[in-house]
Amino acid sequence: MRGAAVDRPRVNLLFIVSSLCVGGAEMHALTLAARLDPARYRVSLAYLKDEAPLLARLAHPSLDSEVFCCGVGRKLDMAAVAMLAAHIRRRGIDIVVCANAYSLLYGWLARLRSGCRPRMVEVFHTTQLDTFKDHLQMMVYRPLIGISDMLVYVSENQRRFWRTRYLRARRDATIRNGIDTAWFADRYSAEDKARLRREWGMEGKSYLVGLCAAMRPEKAHGDLLEALVRVRAAGVGAGVVCIGGGAEGGRVGARIQALGLAPHVRITGYMADVRPALAACDAIALVSHAVEAFSIAALEAMALGKPLIMSRVGGADEQVEHGVQGYLFPPRDIDQLAGHILALAHSGNGTDMGRRARARVEDSFTVERMLASYHALFDGLAGAGR
């Protein structure tokens, strides 16, 4: 029996992501590519668009992979499809794992062109569709999801949402995101945190709230700015640190000026390592209007021992129990958002909430737990395929 296990061929996996920009779906795919058992899987990763600030994060000692860019310059690039198809043939890919539906489109086209029959897995990170364009695109993606071998949701709320809208694959499953709790841990001294707050010009703030998210419209940075105006009007000398950058940076900066918040808000820009910034804050707010399915940024903040203030979208209430590890509020409800910041600032119970947040991640949302579920999934698909 031991000899049979040793002789078992490795499963060839191809991950496809739209880019290697900062985002939950991208980080999730990178974590899987870097952390899957190299004795069981031979992993390659393709990113469609030549946008790769996260590429350095692939430097992991257990990673055995081929990473390549497809150079997509328009919505449908058949040269990129040909590149993926050639890779599927050359590497004998057993399973194609696509992060979100745009990657699935390329995965299916490449599968058809390759003449091979790898299993198709869609890892779906979307909960709600924001725009009319999103709904039109879903009309194209829905049939491709329907003929895929596996549809993986990242939260039960997301799974229920889409099942009631008749989104189906041959099989589906929920595998919640997980993070490396040994890496995401608060090992920073009080002086480390004070020094960073001084660099931000926030040393005089009695309560500092961080928002760790790429600057995109759906992340709703403006809601936290509006809440900060109300918190300060209530007599709390609070500040906000926006951890990250992105296309909306100019608009967020203009809103800061318009609200008279320039002395009280800092934008860090992209940070390769967000741990020091998270550690220096008193609490972390994630105020998205939609899109979030199971926030990796929230898990990272919880692992750093921070209380969370989260809009109740996607899997937020599967991560945070209201009043235990933090607070939940309806998206766009700025009064409740401000009220929760004030409650934390006045009560002083943020430390206890943060301790419970860390414990919840260690209990339920570790990378090891997530990997075990994906190992079982991929082994089952590969065995059925062979």
Protein backbone atom coordinates (compact mmCIF):
# COMPACT_ATOMS: atom_id res chain seq x y z
CA MET A 1 0.00 0.00 0.00
CA ARG A 2 2.82 2.40 0.83
CA GLY A 3 4.50 1.68 -2.50
CA ALA A 4 1.28 2.39 -4.40
CA ALA A 5 0.95 5.76 -2.68
CA VAL A 6 4.55 6.70 -3.51
CA ASP A 7 4.16 5.68 -7.17
CA ARG A 8 0.98 7.73 -7.66
CA PRO A 9 1.64 10.37 -10.33
CA ARG A 10 1.36 13.99 -9.37
CA VAL A 11 -1.79 15.83 -10.44
CA ASN A 12 -1.10 18.62 -12.93
CA LEU A 13 -2.96 21.81 -12.02
CA LEU A 14 -3.26 25.02 -14.03
CA PHE A 15 -4.53 28.10 -12.17
CA ILE A 16 -5.85 30.98 -14.28
CA VAL A 17 -6.33 34.47 -12.81
CA SER A 18 -7.23 37.68 -14.59
CA SER A 19 -4.14 39.48 -13.23
CA LEU A 20 -1.78 39.53 -10.28
CA CYS A 21 -3.12 42.82 -8.95
CA VAL A 22 -4.03 43.16 -5.29
CA GLY A 23 -7.37 41.49 -4.65
CA GLY A 24 -8.96 38.68 -2.71
CA ALA A 25 -9.42 36.30 -5.67
CA GLU A 26 -5.83 36.82 -6.77
CA MET A 27 -4.40 36.35 -3.28
CA HIS A 28 -6.50 33.22 -2.84
CA ALA A 29 -5.15 31.68 -6.06
CA LEU A 30 -1.57 32.60 -5.16
CA THR A 31 -1.93 31.05 -1.72
CA LEU A 32 -3.20 27.79 -3.19
CA ALA A 33 -0.51 27.73 -5.90
CA ALA A 34 2.22 28.33 -3.33
CA ARG A 35 0.95 26.06 -0.56
CA LEU A 36 -0.51 22.95 -2.19
CA ASP A 37 1.46 19.79 -1.40
CA PRO A 38 4.28 19.62 -4.01
CA ALA A 39 4.52 15.86 -3.56
CA ARG A 40 0.94 15.53 -4.83
CA TYR A 41 0.56 18.39 -7.30
CA ARG A 42 2.55 20.01 -10.07
CA VAL A 43 1.25 23.55 -10.26
CA SER A 44 1.39 26.19 -12.97
CA LEU A 45 -0.21 29.61 -12.92
CA ALA A 46 -1.26 31.87 -15.79
CA TYR A 47 -2.27 35.51 -15.38
CA LEU A 48 -4.17 36.97 -18.30
CA LYS A 49 -3.31 40.69 -18.08
CA ASP A 50 0.22 42.01 -17.68
CA GLU A 51 -0.46 43.49 -14.24
CA ALA A 52 1.59 41.77 -11.55
CA PRO A 53 2.42 43.66 -8.34
CA LEU A 54 1.77 40.42 -6.45
CA LEU A 55 4.31 38.41 -8.45
CA ALA A 56 6.93 38.64 -5.68
CA ARG A 57 4.57 36.77 -3.34
CA LEU A 58 5.08 33.60 -5.40
CA ALA A 59 8.51 33.18 -3.78
CA HIS A 60 7.53 30.34 -1.48
CA PRO A 61 9.88 27.44 -0.66
CA SER A 62 7.34 24.72 -1.48
CA LEU A 63 6.25 26.21 -4.80
CA ASP A 64 7.01 24.07 -7.86
CA SER A 65 5.34 25.94 -10.67
CA GLU A 66 5.58 27.57 -14.02
CA VAL A 67 4.22 31.11 -13.94
CA PHE A 68 3.49 32.98 -17.14
CA CYS A 69 1.62 36.01 -18.46
CA CYS A 70 -0.76 35.66 -21.39
CA GLY A 71 -0.50 39.34 -22.36
CA VAL A 72 -4.23 39.89 -22.84
CA GLY A 73 -4.82 43.36 -24.25
CA ARG A 74 -8.52 43.17 -25.08
CA LYS A 75 -11.58 41.41 -23.73
CA LEU A 76 -11.12 38.29 -25.88
CA ASP A 77 -7.58 37.61 -27.06
CA MET A 78 -7.28 34.44 -29.12
CA ALA A 79 -3.48 34.51 -28.97
CA ALA A 80 -3.79 34.13 -25.19
CA VAL A 81 -6.25 31.26 -25.70
CA ALA A 82 -3.70 29.55 -27.97
CA MET A 83 -0.96 30.04 -25.36
CA LEU A 84 -3.10 28.43 -22.66
CA ALA A 85 -4.13 25.57 -24.95
CA ALA A 86 -0.48 24.82 -25.79
CA HIS A 87 0.34 24.78 -22.07
CA ILE A 88 -2.53 22.37 -21.33
CA ARG A 89 -1.23 19.97 -24.00
CA ARG A 90 2.46 20.29 -23.08
CA ARG A 91 1.99 19.85 -19.33
CA GLY A 92 -0.78 17.26 -19.55
CA ILE A 93 -3.02 19.38 -17.32
CA ASP A 94 -5.50 17.33 -15.31
CA ILE A 95 -7.45 20.20 -13.70
CA VAL A 96 -7.88 23.84 -14.70
CA VAL A 97 -8.73 26.06 -11.71
CA CYS A 98 -10.22 29.43 -12.67
CA ALA A 99 -10.47 32.39 -10.30
CA ASN A 100 -13.79 34.05 -11.15
CA ALA A 101 -15.78 33.91 -14.36
CA TYR A 102 -13.57 35.92 -16.74
CA SER A 103 -10.76 33.41 -16.17
CA LEU A 104 -13.25 30.58 -16.71
CA LEU A 105 -14.06 31.94 -20.18
CA TYR A 106 -10.39 31.64 -21.15
CA GLY A 107 -10.11 28.27 -19.45
CA TRP A 108 -12.96 26.77 -21.44
CA LEU A 109 -11.78 28.24 -24.76
CA ALA A 110 -8.28 26.90 -24.12
CA ARG A 111 -9.66 23.47 -23.19
CA LEU A 112 -11.62 23.28 -26.43
CA ARG A 113 -8.65 24.39 -28.52
CA SER A 114 -6.23 22.03 -26.78
CA GLY A 115 -8.16 18.90 -27.72
CA CYS A 116 -7.63 17.66 -24.15
CA ARG A 117 -10.21 17.07 -21.45
CA PRO A 118 -8.98 18.47 -18.13
CA ARG A 119 -11.51 18.88 -15.35
CA MET A 120 -12.78 22.46 -15.00
CA VAL A 121 -13.11 24.14 -11.60
CA GLU A 122 -14.54 27.62 -11.06
CA VAL A 123 -13.65 29.29 -7.74
CA PHE A 124 -16.28 32.01 -7.49
CA HIS A 125 -15.59 35.09 -5.38
CA THR A 126 -18.57 37.21 -6.43
CA THR A 127 -21.75 37.67 -4.42
CA GLN A 128 -23.75 40.45 -6.06
CA LEU A 129 -23.58 42.03 -9.50
CA ASP A 130 -23.29 45.81 -9.30
CA THR A 131 -23.86 47.08 -12.84
CA PHE A 132 -25.91 46.35 -15.95
CA LYS A 133 -22.64 45.38 -17.65
CA ASP A 134 -22.01 42.79 -14.93
CA HIS A 135 -25.44 41.26 -15.56
CA LEU A 136 -24.83 41.09 -19.32
CA GLN A 137 -21.49 39.39 -18.79
CA MET A 138 -23.08 36.87 -16.45
CA MET A 139 -25.33 35.78 -19.31
CA VAL A 140 -22.17 34.61 -21.09
CA TYR A 141 -20.53 33.09 -18.03
CA ARG A 142 -23.55 31.24 -16.63
CA PRO A 143 -23.57 28.44 -19.29
CA LEU A 144 -19.81 27.94 -18.83
CA ILE A 145 -20.26 27.55 -15.08
CA GLY A 146 -23.13 25.15 -15.78
CA ILE A 147 -20.93 22.71 -17.71
CA SER A 148 -17.97 22.97 -15.31
CA ASP A 149 -17.09 20.00 -13.14
CA MET A 150 -17.04 21.96 -9.88
CA LEU A 151 -18.18 25.35 -8.67
CA VAL A 152 -16.47 26.37 -5.42
CA TYR A 153 -18.08 29.06 -3.29
CA VAL A 154 -16.12 30.75 -0.51
CA SER A 155 -19.05 31.29 1.89
CA GLU A 156 -22.39 29.67 2.61
CA ASN A 157 -24.21 33.00 2.23
CA GLN A 158 -22.78 33.30 -1.27
CA ARG A 159 -23.78 29.73 -2.11
CA ARG A 160 -27.37 30.31 -0.95
CA PHE A 161 -27.56 33.61 -2.85
CA TRP A 162 -26.57 32.05 -6.17
CA ARG A 163 -28.48 28.82 -5.75
CA THR A 164 -31.71 30.79 -5.38
CA ARG A 165 -30.76 32.40 -8.71
CA TYR A 166 -30.31 28.98 -10.32
CA LEU A 167 -26.58 29.15 -10.82
CA ARG A 168 -25.47 25.54 -11.20
CA ALA A 169 -22.44 23.48 -12.11
CA ARG A 170 -22.22 19.68 -12.23
CA ARG A 171 -21.26 19.87 -8.54
CA ASP A 172 -20.72 22.66 -6.06
CA ALA A 173 -19.10 23.04 -2.66
CA THR A 174 -18.26 25.70 -0.10
CA ILE A 175 -14.63 26.05 0.96
CA ARG A 176 -14.08 29.12 3.10
CA ASN A 177 -10.91 31.14 2.71
CA GLY A 178 -8.06 30.63 5.14
CA ILE A 179 -4.85 32.45 6.02
CA ASP A 180 -1.46 31.70 7.53
CA THR A 181 -1.97 32.59 11.19
CA ALA A 182 1.74 32.15 11.94
CA TRP A 183 2.55 34.90 9.41
CA PHE A 184 -0.39 37.15 10.29
CA ALA A 185 0.34 37.69 13.97
CA ASP A 186 0.97 40.82 16.01
CA ARG A 187 4.64 40.70 16.97
CA TYR A 188 5.06 44.48 16.93
CA SER A 189 6.04 46.43 20.00
CA ALA A 190 4.22 49.47 21.30
CA GLU A 191 7.14 51.57 20.04
CA ASP A 192 6.91 50.02 16.56
CA LYS A 193 3.25 51.02 16.40
CA ALA A 194 3.85 54.49 17.83
CA ARG A 195 6.65 55.11 15.33
CA LEU A 196 4.42 54.22 12.39
CA ARG A 197 1.61 56.42 13.71
CA ARG A 198 4.11 59.29 13.95
CA GLU A 199 5.16 58.71 10.34
CA TRP A 200 1.52 58.95 9.34
CA GLY A 201 1.04 62.11 11.42
CA MET A 202 -1.51 60.23 13.53
CA GLU A 203 0.32 60.20 16.87
CA GLY A 204 -2.23 62.56 18.46
CA LYS A 205 -5.29 60.52 17.48
CA SER A 206 -7.13 58.89 20.35
CA TYR A 207 -8.62 56.19 18.10
CA LEU A 208 -7.24 55.04 14.74
CA VAL A 209 -9.37 53.08 12.27
CA GLY A 210 -7.77 51.33 9.29
CA LEU A 211 -9.38 50.35 6.02
CA CYS A 212 -7.32 47.76 4.13
CA ALA A 213 -8.63 47.53 0.57
CA ALA A 214 -7.77 48.44 -2.98
CA MET A 215 -9.24 51.80 -3.93
CA ARG A 216 -12.15 50.74 -6.10
CA PRO A 217 -15.71 52.15 -6.10
CA GLU A 218 -17.32 49.12 -4.47
CA LYS A 219 -14.95 49.36 -1.47
CA ALA A 220 -16.78 52.57 -0.46
CA HIS A 221 -13.92 54.48 1.16
CA GLY A 222 -16.17 57.56 1.14
CA ASP A 223 -18.55 55.94 3.63
CA LEU A 224 -15.78 55.67 6.22
CA LEU A 225 -14.78 59.28 5.59
CA GLU A 226 -18.37 60.41 6.18
CA ALA A 227 -18.48 58.34 9.36
CA LEU A 228 -15.23 59.94 10.54
CA VAL A 229 -16.81 63.39 10.24
CA ARG A 230 -19.62 62.26 12.58
CA VAL A 231 -17.25 60.54 15.01
CA ARG A 232 -15.11 63.66 15.33
CA ALA A 233 -18.21 65.85 15.70
CA ALA A 234 -19.15 63.64 18.67
CA GLY A 235 -15.92 64.63 20.38
CA VAL A 236 -13.66 61.66 19.64
CA GLY A 237 -10.26 62.61 18.19
CA ALA A 238 -10.26 59.76 15.70
CA GLY A 239 -8.28 59.27 12.52
CA VAL A 240 -8.42 56.96 9.50
CA VAL A 241 -5.64 55.20 7.59
CA CYS A 242 -6.49 53.90 4.12
CA ILE A 243 -4.11 50.97 3.59
CA GLY A 244 -3.70 50.41 -0.14
CA GLY A 245 -3.89 52.25 -3.42
CA GLY A 246 -5.70 52.03 -6.73
CA ALA A 247 -7.59 53.81 -9.46
CA GLU A 248 -9.90 55.64 -7.04
CA GLY A 249 -7.03 57.22 -5.10
CA GLY A 250 -7.49 60.64 -6.68
CA ARG A 251 -11.22 60.65 -6.02
CA VAL A 252 -10.74 59.55 -2.41
CA GLY A 253 -8.11 62.25 -1.93
CA ALA A 254 -10.48 64.88 -3.29
CA ARG A 255 -13.21 63.70 -0.93
CA ILE A 256 -10.82 63.97 2.02
CA GLN A 257 -10.13 67.59 1.10
CA ALA A 258 -13.80 68.40 0.53
CA LEU A 259 -14.73 67.08 3.99
CA GLY A 260 -11.92 68.97 5.69
CA LEU A 261 -10.30 65.74 6.84
CA ALA A 262 -6.77 66.25 5.49
CA PRO A 263 -5.15 66.35 8.98
CA HIS A 264 -7.02 63.22 10.06
CA VAL A 265 -6.67 60.77 7.16
CA ARG A 266 -3.66 59.13 5.53
CA ILE A 267 -3.44 57.03 2.37
CA THR A 268 -0.50 54.61 2.48
CA GLY A 269 -0.53 53.46 -1.13
CA TYR A 270 0.23 49.85 -2.02
CA MET A 271 2.05 47.97 0.75
CA ALA A 272 3.74 44.63 0.04
CA ASP A 273 3.38 43.77 3.73
CA VAL A 274 0.29 45.16 5.46
CA ARG A 275 0.97 43.62 8.87
CA PRO A 276 2.70 46.66 10.46
CA ALA A 277 -0.10 48.96 9.29
CA LEU A 278 -2.83 46.67 10.60
CA ALA A 279 -1.02 46.31 13.91
CA ALA A 280 -0.73 50.09 14.34
CA CYS A 281 -4.51 50.61 14.10
CA ASP A 282 -7.02 50.26 16.94
CA ALA A 283 -9.71 48.72 14.73
CA ILE A 284 -10.23 47.77 11.08
CA ALA A 285 -13.31 48.73 9.08
CA LEU A 286 -14.41 47.07 5.84
CA VAL A 287 -17.34 48.99 4.44
CA SER A 288 -17.94 47.52 0.97
CA HIS A 289 -21.32 47.98 -0.67
CA ALA A 290 -21.17 44.62 -2.46
CA VAL A 291 -18.76 42.16 -4.10
CA GLU A 292 -17.20 40.76 -0.91
CA ALA A 293 -17.80 37.02 -0.58
CA PHE A 294 -15.44 36.08 2.26
CA SER A 295 -12.94 38.83 2.92
CA ILE A 296 -9.29 37.79 3.20
CA ALA A 297 -8.46 41.30 4.41
CA ALA A 298 -10.88 40.78 7.29
CA LEU A 299 -9.24 37.49 8.23
CA GLU A 300 -5.80 39.11 8.20
CA ALA A 301 -6.96 41.91 10.50
CA MET A 302 -8.65 39.43 12.84
CA ALA A 303 -5.46 37.35 13.00
CA LEU A 304 -3.60 40.53 14.02
CA GLY A 305 -6.02 40.78 16.96
CA LYS A 306 -8.09 43.70 15.67
CA PRO A 307 -11.84 44.19 16.23
CA LEU A 308 -13.71 44.40 12.93
CA ILE A 309 -16.41 46.78 11.81
CA MET A 310 -17.89 45.21 8.67
CA SER A 311 -20.75 45.91 6.34
CA ARG A 312 -23.08 42.93 6.28
CA VAL A 313 -22.36 41.72 2.75
CA GLY A 314 -21.38 38.28 1.48
CA GLY A 315 -19.96 36.10 4.22
CA ALA A 316 -19.35 38.88 6.77
CA ASP A 317 -21.61 37.31 9.39
CA GLU A 318 -19.84 33.97 8.91
CA GLN A 319 -16.58 35.68 9.86
CA VAL A 320 -17.63 38.09 12.60
CA GLU A 321 -20.28 37.51 15.27
CA HIS A 322 -21.88 40.85 15.99
CA GLY A 323 -20.76 42.15 19.38
CA VAL A 324 -18.21 39.33 19.85
CA GLN A 325 -15.31 39.89 17.44
CA GLY A 326 -16.58 43.23 16.22
CA TYR A 327 -19.68 44.86 14.77
CA LEU A 328 -21.76 44.43 11.62
CA PHE A 329 -23.89 47.09 9.96
CA PRO A 330 -26.05 47.38 6.82
CA PRO A 331 -24.01 48.59 3.82
CA ARG A 332 -24.32 52.37 3.23
CA ASP A 333 -25.64 52.96 6.77
CA ILE A 334 -23.15 55.62 7.81
CA ASP A 335 -24.95 56.38 11.09
CA GLN A 336 -24.50 52.79 12.29
CA LEU A 337 -20.92 52.72 11.05
CA ALA A 338 -20.11 55.88 13.02
CA GLY A 339 -21.98 54.50 16.04
CA HIS A 340 -19.88 51.34 16.07
CA ILE A 341 -16.64 53.33 15.91
CA LEU A 342 -17.84 55.44 18.82
CA ALA A 343 -18.83 52.34 20.78
CA LEU A 344 -15.36 50.87 20.41
CA ALA A 345 -13.64 54.16 21.19
CA HIS A 346 -15.69 54.75 24.33
CA SER A 347 -15.98 51.21 25.71
CA GLY A 348 -12.36 50.13 25.59
CA ASN A 349 -13.43 46.55 24.82
CA GLY A 350 -11.59 46.46 21.49
CA THR A 351 -8.72 44.46 23.01
CA ASP A 352 -11.06 41.68 24.15
CA MET A 353 -12.87 41.66 20.80
CA GLY A 354 -9.53 41.49 19.00
CA ARG A 355 -8.43 38.56 21.15
CA ARG A 356 -11.66 36.74 20.29
CA ALA A 357 -11.16 37.61 16.61
CA ARG A 358 -7.71 36.01 16.63
CA ALA A 359 -9.11 32.90 18.33
CA ARG A 360 -11.89 32.59 15.74
CA VAL A 361 -9.44 32.63 12.84
CA GLU A 362 -7.19 30.08 14.55
CA ASP A 363 -10.19 27.83 15.14
CA SER A 364 -11.98 28.06 11.79
CA PHE A 365 -10.11 29.93 9.05
CA THR A 366 -6.53 28.69 8.85
CA VAL A 367 -4.72 28.07 5.58
CA GLU A 368 -4.15 24.45 6.68
CA ARG A 369 -7.88 23.87 7.02
CA MET A 370 -8.52 25.42 3.59
CA LEU A 371 -5.75 23.39 1.93
CA ALA A 372 -7.07 20.11 3.33
CA SER A 373 -10.41 20.80 1.64
CA TYR A 374 -8.78 21.62 -1.69
CA HIS A 375 -6.53 18.55 -1.49
CA ALA A 376 -9.62 16.38 -1.12
CA LEU A 377 -11.38 18.22 -3.94
CA PHE A 378 -8.51 17.97 -6.43
CA ASP A 379 -7.70 14.36 -5.58
CA GLY A 380 -11.32 13.39 -6.13
CA LEU A 381 -11.56 15.16 -9.47
CA ALA A 382 -8.24 13.79 -10.69
CA GLY A 383 -9.17 10.25 -9.66
CA ALA A 384 -12.50 10.47 -11.46
CA GLY A 385 -10.82 11.92 -14.55
CA ARG A 386 -8.22 9.20 -14.76
